[in-house]
Amino acid sequence: NECEKEFFIKRISLDSIVCPRDTVVDCSLEVITIKDNKVSFKDPIRSGFPQIKTKNGLVSLWPNNAACKLTVSPPIDEYYPICGAGYKIRRTWRITDWCTRAEKLCVQWIEVVDKTAPVGESKTLPVVYSDPHQCGQFVDIDTLKVTDCSRVKQNFSITYYEEGIPKVIQGVLPVKHIWLPVGVDTVKVFLVDACKNS
C-alpha cells in the first residue's frame, strides 16, 4: 500500500513581527554582570529585540536569525542626553522580507535615568589646634566620598555659638580657610545630584 501526504508550509509575514517594547532603567543598573560578563543596558540582550510569532511561540530574529527570508539589519541608535548621566536612545530596527523586498521598521525608546539619591560616607575630621592667643582656627574641609551616577554638589552647613549667639556658616564643599571657634563642630552635608535627587 502506498500513502501520500501533502504538507502545506505557511509562510511567515512581516505582520507577524513583534517589536521590542520601550524600556527604562536606573543608571545605577546600567551595567550588570551576566554569567561573569558585564552587560550594558544598551545591549539587546537586556533592552530587547524583534521577535516573530509562530505556532510554537515567539522566535528571536536577532542577531540576524533569518526566518523564511526575514532578516534584521543592525539597529541604528540616536542618542539624546538628559540630566546627569541619563540619556535616551531612539533605536530603529529594520526587518526585511527578501522575497517581497518589503520592510518593517520597529522604533524602540531606551532610557537610562537617574532617580536614585546620592549616598555619602560620613567621616570624622581631625583635631585642629588653635594658635596660642586665638580662640579658634582656620580649617579646610574636603568633600565626602559619594556614590552616584551623576555629578553631585555637596552643600554644607555649620552652626556654632559665639557668646551664646548661634552663627551659621554655609557653602559648598570643598572649602578652604574658614574660621571656627574652639570646640566640637558638626558639619552637616546636603547632597544633590545633577538630576535634583537629594
Protein backbone atom coordinates (compact mmCIF):
# COMPACT_ATOMS: atom_id res chain seq x y z
CA ASN A 1 0.00 0.00 0.00
CA GLU A 2 1.12 3.48 -0.75
CA CYS A 3 0.14 6.53 1.25
CA GLU A 4 0.53 10.06 0.03
CA LYS A 5 0.64 13.09 2.29
CA GLU A 6 0.63 16.71 1.36
CA PHE A 7 2.37 19.25 3.56
CA PHE A 8 1.38 22.90 3.45
CA ILE A 9 4.03 25.28 4.80
CA LYS A 10 2.57 28.58 5.83
CA ARG A 11 4.92 31.44 5.14
CA ILE A 12 5.57 33.89 7.96
CA SER A 13 4.93 37.50 7.00
CA LEU A 14 6.08 40.86 8.32
CA ASP A 15 2.71 41.17 10.08
CA SER A 16 3.93 38.50 12.49
CA ILE A 17 6.81 40.67 13.74
CA VAL A 18 6.68 41.67 17.43
CA CYS A 19 8.68 44.84 18.02
CA PRO A 20 10.69 45.22 21.25
CA ARG A 21 8.95 47.35 23.86
CA ASP A 22 10.16 50.72 25.09
CA THR A 23 12.17 50.28 28.26
CA VAL A 24 13.77 52.28 31.06
CA VAL A 25 16.33 51.55 33.79
CA ASP A 26 18.01 53.50 36.59
CA CYS A 27 21.60 54.45 35.80
CA SER A 28 22.78 52.51 38.86
CA LEU A 29 21.78 49.37 36.93
CA GLU A 30 23.06 50.48 33.53
CA VAL A 31 25.75 47.79 33.58
CA ILE A 32 25.23 44.46 35.32
CA THR A 33 27.06 41.13 35.32
CA ILE A 34 25.52 38.19 33.47
CA LYS A 35 27.48 34.92 33.53
CA ASP A 36 30.68 36.73 34.55
CA ASN A 37 30.33 39.25 31.69
CA LYS A 38 29.47 42.91 32.13
CA VAL A 39 26.41 43.70 30.01
CA SER A 40 25.21 47.24 29.27
CA PHE A 41 21.52 48.08 29.21
CA LYS A 42 22.04 49.17 25.59
CA ASP A 43 22.77 45.55 24.68
CA PRO A 44 19.65 43.99 23.06
CA ILE A 45 20.12 41.02 25.39
CA ARG A 46 18.77 43.34 28.10
CA SER A 47 16.81 46.01 26.24
CA GLY A 48 15.01 43.66 23.82
CA PHE A 49 14.98 42.79 20.12
CA PRO A 50 12.46 41.94 17.37
CA GLN A 51 10.75 38.58 17.53
CA ILE A 52 8.31 36.75 15.30
CA LYS A 53 5.09 34.98 16.24
CA THR A 54 4.94 31.32 15.32
CA LYS A 55 2.66 28.44 16.15
CA ASN A 56 5.05 27.44 18.91
CA GLY A 57 5.51 30.91 20.38
CA LEU A 58 7.94 33.78 19.83
CA VAL A 59 11.20 33.24 17.96
CA SER A 60 14.11 35.70 18.08
CA LEU A 61 15.17 37.46 14.87
CA TRP A 62 18.31 38.85 16.48
CA PRO A 63 21.20 38.51 15.98
CA ASN A 64 20.07 38.12 12.36
CA ASN A 65 18.31 34.80 12.77
CA ALA A 66 16.88 34.52 9.25
CA ALA A 67 13.35 33.09 9.34
CA CYS A 68 11.64 32.49 5.99
CA LYS A 69 13.92 35.06 4.37
CA LEU A 70 13.18 37.67 7.05
CA THR A 71 16.37 39.35 8.26
CA VAL A 72 17.17 42.10 10.76
CA SER A 73 19.71 44.81 9.96
CA PRO A 74 21.96 46.15 12.74
CA PRO A 75 19.92 48.70 14.71
CA ILE A 76 20.51 52.43 14.26
CA ASP A 77 20.78 54.38 17.52
CA GLU A 78 20.18 58.10 18.00
CA TYR A 79 21.37 59.46 21.37
CA TYR A 80 19.64 62.23 23.32
CA PRO A 81 21.26 63.36 26.60
CA ILE A 82 19.05 64.13 29.57
CA CYS A 83 20.04 65.25 33.09
CA GLY A 84 23.16 63.93 34.76
CA ALA A 85 24.34 60.55 33.49
CA GLY A 86 20.94 59.87 31.92
CA TYR A 87 20.20 59.57 28.22
CA LYS A 88 17.61 58.36 25.74
CA ILE A 89 18.21 56.20 22.70
CA ARG A 90 15.85 56.10 19.75
CA ARG A 91 16.66 52.68 18.31
CA THR A 92 15.37 51.77 14.85
CA TRP A 93 15.21 48.13 13.81
CA ARG A 94 14.78 47.33 10.10
CA ILE A 95 13.32 43.93 9.21
CA THR A 96 13.45 43.00 5.51
CA ASP A 97 11.47 40.36 3.63
CA TRP A 98 13.88 39.30 0.90
CA CYS A 99 11.15 37.54 -1.08
CA THR A 100 8.90 40.59 -1.48
CA ARG A 101 11.54 43.25 -0.67
CA ALA A 102 9.05 44.73 1.79
CA GLU A 103 10.36 46.19 5.03
CA LYS A 104 9.10 46.86 8.51
CA LEU A 105 10.58 49.36 10.94
CA CYS A 106 10.45 48.94 14.70
CA VAL A 107 11.17 52.12 16.69
CA GLN A 108 12.18 51.47 20.29
CA TRP A 109 12.94 54.02 23.00
CA ILE A 110 15.61 53.01 25.52
CA GLU A 111 16.02 55.33 28.50
CA VAL A 112 18.63 55.42 31.26
CA VAL A 113 17.59 57.74 34.09
CA ASP A 114 18.99 58.88 37.42
CA LYS A 115 16.23 58.50 40.02
CA THR A 116 18.49 57.50 42.89
CA ALA A 117 19.68 59.93 45.55
CA PRO A 118 23.44 60.17 46.14
CA VAL A 119 24.88 58.30 49.10
CA GLY A 120 27.71 59.85 51.11
CA GLU A 121 30.04 58.33 53.67
CA SER A 122 30.30 60.21 56.97
CA LYS A 123 33.78 60.85 58.28
CA THR A 124 35.45 62.20 61.38
CA LEU A 125 37.60 65.25 60.78
CA PRO A 126 41.00 65.53 62.50
CA VAL A 127 41.58 67.62 65.62
CA VAL A 128 42.89 71.10 64.78
CA TYR A 129 44.75 73.10 67.43
CA SER A 130 44.26 76.85 67.79
CA ASP A 131 47.09 79.38 67.89
CA PRO A 132 48.37 80.29 71.39
CA HIS A 133 46.42 83.54 71.66
CA GLN A 134 43.46 82.70 69.44
CA CYS A 135 40.14 81.09 70.42
CA GLY A 136 39.79 79.28 67.16
CA GLN A 137 41.48 78.31 63.93
CA PHE A 138 41.14 78.40 60.15
CA VAL A 139 40.34 74.98 58.73
CA ASP A 140 39.92 73.27 55.36
CA ILE A 141 37.07 70.81 54.81
CA ASP A 142 37.24 68.34 51.91
CA THR A 143 34.35 66.62 50.12
CA LEU A 144 32.78 63.39 51.31
CA LYS A 145 33.19 60.15 49.41
CA VAL A 146 29.94 59.89 47.43
CA THR A 147 28.31 57.17 45.33
CA ASP A 148 26.09 58.33 42.46
CA CYS A 149 25.78 58.03 38.67
CA SER A 150 25.77 61.79 38.14
CA ARG A 151 27.79 64.76 39.29
CA VAL A 152 26.99 65.62 42.93
CA LYS A 153 27.03 69.02 44.63
CA GLN A 154 27.91 68.93 48.34
CA ASN A 155 26.39 71.83 50.27
CA PHE A 156 27.46 72.19 53.90
CA SER A 157 26.21 73.95 56.99
CA ILE A 158 27.97 74.51 60.34
CA THR A 159 26.23 76.07 63.35
CA TYR A 160 28.39 77.28 66.24
CA TYR A 161 27.83 79.58 69.20
CA GLU A 162 29.77 82.71 69.95
CA GLU A 163 28.99 84.30 73.31
CA GLY A 164 25.71 82.39 73.32
CA ILE A 165 24.67 83.63 69.89
CA PRO A 166 24.19 80.99 67.16
CA LYS A 167 26.11 81.63 63.95
CA VAL A 168 25.83 79.67 60.73
CA ILE A 169 28.42 79.07 58.03
CA GLN A 170 27.16 77.71 54.73
CA GLY A 171 28.76 76.92 51.42
CA VAL A 172 29.82 74.20 49.01
CA LEU A 173 32.49 71.59 49.67
CA PRO A 174 35.41 71.54 49.35
CA VAL A 175 36.02 74.72 51.32
CA LYS A 176 39.28 76.27 52.50
CA HIS A 177 40.29 78.67 55.24
CA ILE A 178 37.07 79.04 57.22
CA TRP A 179 37.25 80.25 60.82
CA LEU A 180 35.84 78.06 63.58
CA PRO A 181 35.97 78.79 67.32
CA VAL A 182 37.35 76.38 69.90
CA GLY A 183 35.00 73.45 70.46
CA VAL A 184 33.50 70.48 68.69
CA ASP A 185 31.62 71.30 65.49
CA THR A 186 29.35 69.17 63.31
CA VAL A 187 29.42 69.71 59.56
CA LYS A 188 26.07 68.87 58.00
CA VAL A 189 26.34 67.99 54.32
CA PHE A 190 23.40 68.10 51.91
CA LEU A 191 23.95 66.09 48.73
CA VAL A 192 22.12 66.87 45.49
CA ASP A 193 22.94 65.40 42.08
CA ALA A 194 22.54 66.83 38.59
CA CYS A 195 19.02 65.33 38.36
CA LYS A 196 17.91 67.02 41.62
CA ASN A 197 17.92 63.79 43.64
CA SER A 198 18.93 64.60 47.21
